[in-house]
C-alpha atoms as a PDB file:
ATOM      1  CA  MET A   1     -14.251 -31.118  -4.919  1.00  0.00           C
ATOM      2  CA  GLU A   2     -16.011 -31.659  -1.483  1.00  0.00           C
ATOM      3  CA  ILE A   3     -12.363 -31.695  -0.064  1.00  0.00           C
ATOM      4  CA  LEU A   4     -11.639 -28.242  -1.469  1.00  0.00           C
ATOM      5  CA  ILE A   5     -14.897 -26.957  -0.192  1.00  0.00           C
ATOM      6  CA  LEU A   6     -14.414 -28.513   3.302  1.00  0.00           C
ATOM      7  CA  ILE A   7     -10.858 -26.748   3.451  1.00  0.00           C
ATOM      8  CA  THR A   8     -12.376 -23.497   2.235  1.00  0.00           C
ATOM      9  CA  VAL A   9     -15.050 -23.815   5.174  1.00  0.00           C
ATOM     10  CA  ALA A  10     -12.253 -24.613   7.693  1.00  0.00           C
ATOM     11  CA  ILE A  11     -10.229 -21.476   6.534  1.00  0.00           C
ATOM     12  CA  LEU A  12     -13.551 -19.286   6.594  1.00  0.00           C
ATOM     13  CA  LEU A  13     -14.415 -20.741  10.114  1.00  0.00           C
ATOM     14  CA  ILE A  14     -10.836 -19.711  11.554  1.00  0.00           C
ATOM     15  CA  VAL A  15     -10.769 -16.294   9.917  1.00  0.00           C
ATOM     16  CA  GLY A  16     -14.222 -15.715  11.220  1.00  0.00           C
ATOM     17  CA  VAL A  17     -13.214 -16.378  14.880  1.00  0.00           C
ATOM     18  CA  ILE A  18     -10.059 -14.252  14.283  1.00  0.00           C
ATOM     19  CA  GLY A  19     -12.191 -11.541  12.835  1.00  0.00           C
ATOM     20  CA  SER A  20     -14.116 -11.469  16.048  1.00  0.00           C
ATOM     21  CA  VAL A  21     -11.396  -9.856  17.761  1.00  0.00           C
ATOM     22  CA  ILE A  22      -9.745  -7.922  14.661  1.00  0.00           C
ATOM     23  CA  PRO A  23     -12.458  -5.155  13.826  1.00  0.00           C
ATOM     24  CA  VAL A  24     -11.360  -4.910  10.246  1.00  0.00           C
ATOM     25  CA  LEU A  25     -12.504  -8.467   9.542  1.00  0.00           C
ATOM     26  CA  PRO A  26     -16.221  -8.977  10.051  1.00  0.00           C
ATOM     27  CA  GLY A  27     -16.001 -12.259  11.974  1.00  0.00           C
ATOM     28  CA  PRO A  28     -19.546 -13.431  12.183  1.00  0.00           C
ATOM     29  CA  PRO A  29     -20.471 -12.679   8.512  1.00  0.00           C
ATOM     30  CA  ILE A  30     -17.377 -14.645   7.493  1.00  0.00           C
ATOM     31  CA  SER A  31     -18.215 -17.466   9.848  1.00  0.00           C
ATOM     32  CA  TYR A  32     -21.908 -17.407   8.439  1.00  0.00           C
ATOM     33  CA  SER A  33     -20.634 -17.497   4.969  1.00  0.00           C
ATOM     34  CA  ALA A  34     -18.706 -20.747   5.862  1.00  0.00           C
ATOM     35  CA  ILE A  35     -21.798 -22.523   6.989  1.00  0.00           C
ATOM     36  CA  LEU A  36     -23.709 -21.466   3.872  1.00  0.00           C
ATOM     37  CA  LEU A  37     -21.002 -22.863   1.878  1.00  0.00           C
ATOM     38  CA  LEU A  38     -21.071 -25.958   3.821  1.00  0.00           C
ATOM     39  CA  HIS A  39     -24.838 -26.121   3.778  1.00  0.00           C
ATOM     40  CA  PHE A  40     -25.361 -25.544  -0.019  1.00  0.00           C
ATOM     41  CA  PHE A  41     -22.410 -27.225  -1.432  1.00  0.00           C
ATOM     42  CA  THR A  42     -21.615 -30.485   0.400  1.00  0.00           C
ATOM     43  CA  PRO A  43     -23.919 -33.159   1.883  1.00  0.00           C
ATOM     44  CA  TYR A  44     -23.750 -31.705   5.397  1.00  0.00           C
ATOM     45  CA  GLN A  45     -26.935 -29.855   6.066  1.00  0.00           C
ATOM     46  CA  PHE A  46     -27.861 -27.483   8.634  1.00  0.00           C
ATOM     47  CA  ASP A  47     -31.516 -27.108   9.936  1.00  0.00           C
ATOM     48  CA  THR A  48     -33.216 -24.330   8.085  1.00  0.00           C
ATOM     49  CA  GLY A  49     -34.385 -22.825  11.456  1.00  0.00           C
ATOM     50  CA  LEU A  50     -30.859 -22.562  12.537  1.00  0.00           C
ATOM     51  CA  LEU A  51     -29.599 -21.031   9.362  1.00  0.00           C
ATOM     52  CA  ILE A  52     -32.472 -18.450   9.625  1.00  0.00           C
ATOM     53  CA  THR A  53     -31.836 -17.728  13.450  1.00  0.00           C
ATOM     54  CA  LEU A  54     -28.055 -17.409  12.922  1.00  0.00           C
ATOM     55  CA  SER A  55     -28.651 -15.099   9.997  1.00  0.00           C
ATOM     56  CA  ILE A  56     -30.743 -12.684  12.233  1.00  0.00           C
ATOM     57  CA  PHE A  57     -27.904 -12.981  14.900  1.00  0.00           C
ATOM     58  CA  VAL A  58     -25.238 -12.314  12.749  1.00  0.00           C
ATOM     59  CA  VAL A  59     -26.994  -9.068  11.276  1.00  0.00           C
ATOM     60  CA  VAL A  60     -27.718  -7.865  14.761  1.00  0.00           C
ATOM     61  CA  ILE A  61     -24.368  -8.582  16.399  1.00  0.00           C
ATOM     62  CA  THR A  62     -22.507  -6.801  13.363  1.00  0.00           C
ATOM     63  CA  PHE A  63     -24.568  -3.742  13.988  1.00  0.00           C
ATOM     64  CA  LEU A  64     -24.229  -3.723  17.746  1.00  0.00           C
ATOM     65  CA  ASP A  65     -20.634  -4.359  17.518  1.00  0.00           C
ATOM     66  CA  TYR A  66     -20.236  -0.925  15.865  1.00  0.00           C
ATOM     67  CA  TRP A  67     -22.782   0.750  18.082  1.00  0.00           C
ATOM     68  CA  PHE A  68     -21.515  -0.487  21.418  1.00  0.00           C
ATOM     69  CA  GLN A  69     -18.279   1.650  21.176  1.00  0.00           C
ATOM     70  CA  PHE A  70     -20.249   4.761  20.189  1.00  0.00           C
ATOM     71  CA  TYR A  71     -22.730   4.022  23.100  1.00  0.00           C
ATOM     72  CA  GLY A  72     -19.837   3.675  25.656  1.00  0.00           C
ATOM     73  CA  VAL A  73     -18.468   7.027  24.850  1.00  0.00           C
ATOM     74  CA  LYS A  74     -22.013   8.688  24.776  1.00  0.00           C
ATOM     75  CA  LYS A  75     -23.051   6.918  27.941  1.00  0.00           C
ATOM     76  CA  ASN A  76     -20.060   8.068  29.854  1.00  0.00           C
ATOM     77  CA  GLY A  77     -20.613  11.902  28.733  1.00  0.00           C
ATOM     78  CA  GLY A  78     -18.709  12.045  25.432  1.00  0.00           C
ATOM     79  CA  GLY A  79     -19.983  14.107  22.708  1.00  0.00           C
ATOM     80  CA  GLN A  80     -19.444  14.215  18.877  1.00  0.00           C
ATOM     81  CA  LYS A  81     -15.871  14.822  19.066  1.00  0.00           C
ATOM     82  CA  ALA A  82     -15.224  11.994  21.545  1.00  0.00           C
ATOM     83  CA  THR A  83     -17.218   9.802  19.107  1.00  0.00           C
ATOM     84  CA  ASN A  84     -15.283  10.847  16.153  1.00  0.00           C
ATOM     85  CA  GLY A  85     -12.191  10.567  17.903  1.00  0.00           C
ATOM     86  CA  THR A  86     -13.049   6.837  18.893  1.00  0.00           C
ATOM     87  CA  LEU A  87     -13.596   6.121  15.197  1.00  0.00           C
ATOM     88  CA  ILE A  88     -10.379   7.884  13.949  1.00  0.00           C
ATOM     89  CA  GLY A  89      -8.382   6.159  16.708  1.00  0.00           C
ATOM     90  CA  LEU A  90      -9.598   2.736  15.919  1.00  0.00           C
ATOM     91  CA  LEU A  91      -8.806   3.219  12.225  1.00  0.00           C
ATOM     92  CA  VAL A  92      -5.240   4.704  12.975  1.00  0.00           C
ATOM     93  CA  GLY A  93      -4.665   1.950  15.777  1.00  0.00           C
ATOM     94  CA  ILE A  94      -5.800  -0.956  13.503  1.00  0.00           C
ATOM     95  CA  PHE A  95      -3.692   0.104  10.407  1.00  0.00           C
ATOM     96  CA  PHE A  96      -0.495   1.516  12.270  1.00  0.00           C
ATOM     97  CA  PHE A  97      -0.230  -0.076  15.586  1.00  0.00           C
ATOM     98  CA  PRO A  98      -1.734  -3.625  15.425  1.00  0.00           C
ATOM     99  CA  PRO A  99      -2.401  -5.525  17.669  1.00  0.00           C
ATOM    100  CA  ILE A 100      -2.164  -3.136  20.600  1.00  0.00           C
ATOM    101  CA  GLY A 101      -3.743  -0.358  18.524  1.00  0.00           C
ATOM    102  CA  ILE A 102      -7.039  -2.125  18.491  1.00  0.00           C
ATOM    103  CA  LEU A 103      -7.418  -1.091  22.035  1.00  0.00           C
ATOM    104  CA  LEU A 104      -5.366   1.950  22.410  1.00  0.00           C
ATOM    105  CA  GLY A 105      -6.582   3.517  19.381  1.00  0.00           C
ATOM    106  CA  PRO A 106     -10.171   4.065  20.150  1.00  0.00           C
ATOM    107  CA  PHE A 107      -9.123   4.700  23.824  1.00  0.00           C
ATOM    108  CA  THR A 108      -6.712   7.486  22.820  1.00  0.00           C
ATOM    109  CA  GLY A 109      -9.180   8.949  20.042  1.00  0.00           C
ATOM    110  CA  ALA A 110     -12.137   9.232  22.614  1.00  0.00           C
ATOM    111  CA  TYR A 111      -9.617  10.778  25.117  1.00  0.00           C
ATOM    112  CA  VAL A 112      -8.459  13.281  22.753  1.00  0.00           C
ATOM    113  CA  GLY A 113     -12.058  14.068  21.490  1.00  0.00           C
ATOM    114  CA  ALA A 114     -13.234  14.603  25.222  1.00  0.00           C
ATOM    115  CA  LYS A 115     -10.286  16.904  25.857  1.00  0.00           C
ATOM    116  CA  MET A 116     -11.301  18.833  22.773  1.00  0.00           C
ATOM    117  CA  GLU A 117     -14.890  19.197  23.880  1.00  0.00           C
ATOM    118  CA  GLY A 118     -13.530  20.706  27.198  1.00  0.00           C
ATOM    119  CA  ASN A 119     -14.533  17.494  29.133  1.00  0.00           C
ATOM    120  CA  ASP A 120     -11.339  17.387  30.967  1.00  0.00           C
ATOM    121  CA  GLU A 121     -12.578  15.789  34.055  1.00  0.00           C
ATOM    122  CA  ASN A 122     -14.553  13.082  32.367  1.00  0.00           C
ATOM    123  CA  ALA A 123     -12.021  12.188  29.599  1.00  0.00           C
ATOM    124  CA  ILE A 124     -10.594   9.039  31.157  1.00  0.00           C
ATOM    125  CA  ARG A 125     -13.974   7.783  31.955  1.00  0.00           C
ATOM    126  CA  ILE A 126     -15.259   8.489  28.283  1.00  0.00           C
ATOM    127  CA  ALA A 127     -12.101   6.742  27.045  1.00  0.00           C
ATOM    128  CA  PHE A 128     -12.774   3.623  29.072  1.00  0.00           C
ATOM    129  CA  GLY A 129     -16.414   3.772  27.772  1.00  0.00           C
ATOM    130  CA  SER A 130     -15.070   3.270  24.167  1.00  0.00           C
ATOM    131  CA  ILE A 131     -12.945   0.277  25.503  1.00  0.00           C
ATOM    132  CA  LEU A 132     -15.829  -1.412  27.270  1.00  0.00           C
ATOM    133  CA  GLY A 133     -18.049  -1.006  24.140  1.00  0.00           C
ATOM    134  CA  PHE A 134     -15.305  -2.428  22.086  1.00  0.00           C
ATOM    135  CA  LEU A 135     -14.980  -5.476  24.722  1.00  0.00           C
ATOM    136  CA  GLY A 136     -18.721  -6.074  24.773  1.00  0.00           C
ATOM    137  CA  GLY A 137     -18.921  -6.199  20.919  1.00  0.00           C
ATOM    138  CA  THR A 138     -15.907  -8.433  20.738  1.00  0.00           C
ATOM    139  CA  VAL A 139     -17.465 -10.887  23.244  1.00  0.00           C
ATOM    140  CA  LEU A 140     -20.683 -10.971  21.343  1.00  0.00           C
ATOM    141  CA  LYS A 141     -18.994 -11.704  18.128  1.00  0.00           C
ATOM    142  CA  LEU A 142     -16.920 -14.244  19.729  1.00  0.00           C
ATOM    143  CA  LEU A 143     -19.991 -16.143  21.023  1.00  0.00           C
ATOM    144  CA  VAL A 144     -21.566 -16.251  17.616  1.00  0.00           C
ATOM    145  CA  SER A 145     -18.626 -17.008  15.510  1.00  0.00           C
ATOM    146  CA  GLY A 146     -17.597 -19.642  18.192  1.00  0.00           C
ATOM    147  CA  PHE A 147     -21.114 -21.182  18.230  1.00  0.00           C
ATOM    148  CA  ILE A 148     -21.141 -21.345  14.204  1.00  0.00           C
ATOM    149  CA  PHE A 149     -17.506 -22.996  14.518  1.00  0.00           C
ATOM    150  CA  TYR A 150     -18.926 -25.534  17.134  1.00  0.00           C
ATOM    151  CA  GLN A 151     -21.967 -26.227  15.047  1.00  0.00           C
ATOM    152  CA  SER A 152     -19.993 -26.852  11.957  1.00  0.00           C
ATOM    153  CA  ILE A 153     -17.561 -29.172  13.620  1.00  0.00           C
ATOM    154  CA  VAL A 154     -20.407 -31.262  15.396  1.00  0.00           C
ATOM    155  CA  LEU A 155     -22.154 -31.394  11.889  1.00  0.00           C
ATOM    156  CA  ILE A 156     -19.149 -32.727  10.103  1.00  0.00           C
ATOM    157  CA  PHE A 157     -17.846 -35.136  12.666  1.00  0.00           C
END
C-alpha cells in the first residue's frame, strides 16, 4: 500500500509543479496535498511547523496569483473593462489556444478591454501589466511547489 501512496505522491508533486505554470491547475495546493498524503499515510513525517508554514504560504500564494494579474492591469491604468478582458482572455486562451494562449489570452483581453475604455495610448502598457502580473504569480507558485517537491525528495531519500 505504501508504494501506491508514494506513486500517488510523486504524481501529485509533478502535477503541482506543472500546475504552477498552467493557470487551470492550482499547483501549490496540489503539491501541498501530496505532502499531506505523505505525512499522514506513510512513515515519512514532516515537521509540524513546516506543514503549518507551508499551508499559510500556499493559501497566500494562491490568492496572490489571481490578484497579481489584476493588480498589473490596474497599476498600469486599466479599468474594469481591461480587468474583465484579462479574465476572459485568460479563460479563452487556456481552453482554446494552449499553451501560448496562457500568455496571449490575458494580454489580448487586457488590450481589448483598455481600447474599449478609450485608453488607446496606454493599451499596450496595460496589456503588458497583465503579463507581468501573470509571470509574478507563476514565479511565486513555482517557488512554493518546487520547495515542496524538494522537501519531499529530501525526506524520502
